[in-house]
Protein backbone atom coordinates (compact mmCIF):
# COMPACT_ATOMS: atom_id res chain seq x y z
CA MET A 1 107.83 111.22 87.56
CA THR A 2 106.36 111.38 91.05
CA ARG A 3 108.37 111.12 94.26
CA LEU A 4 106.82 110.47 97.68
CA GLU A 5 108.84 110.61 100.89
CA ALA A 6 108.10 109.75 104.51
CA GLN A 7 110.21 110.61 107.52
CA ILE A 8 110.30 107.68 109.96
CA LEU A 9 111.29 108.43 113.53
CA ALA A 10 111.87 105.20 115.46
CA ASP A 11 113.87 104.23 118.49
CA ILE A 12 113.83 100.59 117.44
CA GLN A 13 116.03 99.23 114.65
CA PRO A 14 115.97 97.52 112.26
CA ILE A 15 112.86 98.86 110.58
CA GLN A 16 111.24 97.25 107.55
CA VAL A 17 109.58 99.77 105.25
CA LYS A 18 107.05 99.07 102.55
CA TRP A 19 104.88 101.26 100.35
CA MET A 20 101.26 100.43 99.57
CA MET A 21 98.89 101.68 96.89
CA GLY A 22 95.48 100.90 98.27
CA ASP A 23 95.75 97.34 99.61
CA ARG A 24 98.53 96.36 97.17
CA GLU A 25 102.19 96.40 98.18
CA LEU A 26 104.42 98.20 95.68
CA VAL A 27 107.40 96.24 94.42
CA GLN A 28 110.66 97.43 92.89
CA SER A 29 110.53 97.53 89.06
CA ASP A 30 111.50 99.70 86.09
CA HIS A 31 108.35 101.73 86.91
CA VAL A 32 108.74 101.89 90.71
CA GLU A 33 111.88 102.63 92.73
CA ILE A 34 111.71 102.07 96.51
CA SER A 35 114.40 103.12 98.96
CA TYR A 36 114.88 103.56 102.72
CA PHE A 37 117.78 105.48 104.24
CA GLN A 38 118.16 104.14 107.76
CA ASP A 39 120.64 106.87 108.78
CA THR A 40 118.13 109.66 108.04
CA GLY A 41 114.89 107.71 108.44
CA VAL A 42 113.71 108.77 104.98
CA ALA A 43 111.59 106.31 103.00
CA ARG A 44 111.08 107.13 99.34
CA VAL A 45 109.11 105.80 96.41
CA VAL A 46 109.65 107.13 92.88
CA ILE A 47 107.08 106.31 90.19
CA ARG A 48 108.20 106.84 86.61
CA ASN A 49 105.92 107.52 83.64
CA VAL A 50 102.94 108.25 85.88
CA GLY A 51 99.57 107.45 84.32
CA PRO A 52 95.94 106.73 85.24
CA PRO A 53 96.75 103.28 86.71
CA ASP A 54 98.94 105.05 89.31
CA VAL A 55 96.08 107.08 90.80
CA GLY A 56 95.26 105.98 94.33
CA LEU A 57 95.95 106.23 98.03
CA TYR A 58 99.63 105.67 98.87
CA THR A 59 100.73 104.61 102.34
CA CYS A 60 104.16 104.16 103.84
CA VAL A 61 104.25 101.34 106.39
CA ALA A 62 107.12 100.96 108.89
CA ILE A 63 107.40 97.70 110.82
CA ASP A 64 109.82 97.01 113.63
CA SER A 65 111.47 93.64 114.24
CA GLN A 66 109.09 93.00 117.17
CA PRO A 67 105.75 94.12 115.72
CA SER A 68 102.93 95.39 117.87
CA SER A 69 99.76 97.26 117.05
CA PRO A 70 100.43 100.97 116.45
CA ILE A 71 98.36 103.64 118.16
CA PHE A 72 97.84 106.65 115.91
CA VAL A 73 97.59 109.85 117.93
CA ALA A 74 96.21 111.79 114.96
CA GLU A 75 94.87 110.18 111.80
CA LEU A 76 95.82 111.64 108.43
CA SER A 77 93.06 112.75 106.08
CA PRO A 78 93.12 111.99 102.34
CA ILE A 79 94.54 114.84 100.27
CA ASN A 80 94.58 115.62 96.55
CA VAL A 81 97.90 116.79 95.11
CA LEU A 82 98.40 118.47 91.76
CA GLU A 83 101.35 117.67 89.56
CA GLY A 84 104.37 119.73 90.62
CA GLU A 85 103.01 120.38 94.13
CA GLU A 86 105.08 119.42 97.16
CA ILE A 87 103.37 118.25 100.35
CA PHE A 88 104.57 117.12 103.76
CA LEU A 89 102.49 114.79 105.91
CA THR A 90 103.20 113.90 109.52
CA ALA A 91 101.73 111.00 111.45
CA THR A 92 102.32 110.55 115.15
CA VAL A 93 102.38 106.94 116.36
CA GLN A 94 102.82 105.71 119.92
């Protein structure tokens, strides 16, 4: 099992959150569990029975009800993570 979390800090509510693997949006299934906790701003995706098809670049996308183009102050670089490792990534968006 793999769990990815993103902390979303937004002044605007409601926020729609989706997780992407490459250019494909992840959908809720027996294999993938997606949740967003509006009170804490935590977005989570849990992938069960991880295998080779699950290898890829995962992105958490937060969209406000009045979308506009985000401005990333600092771009995140790709990172490799070993099983059992815990990482924290922070993106600053204006």
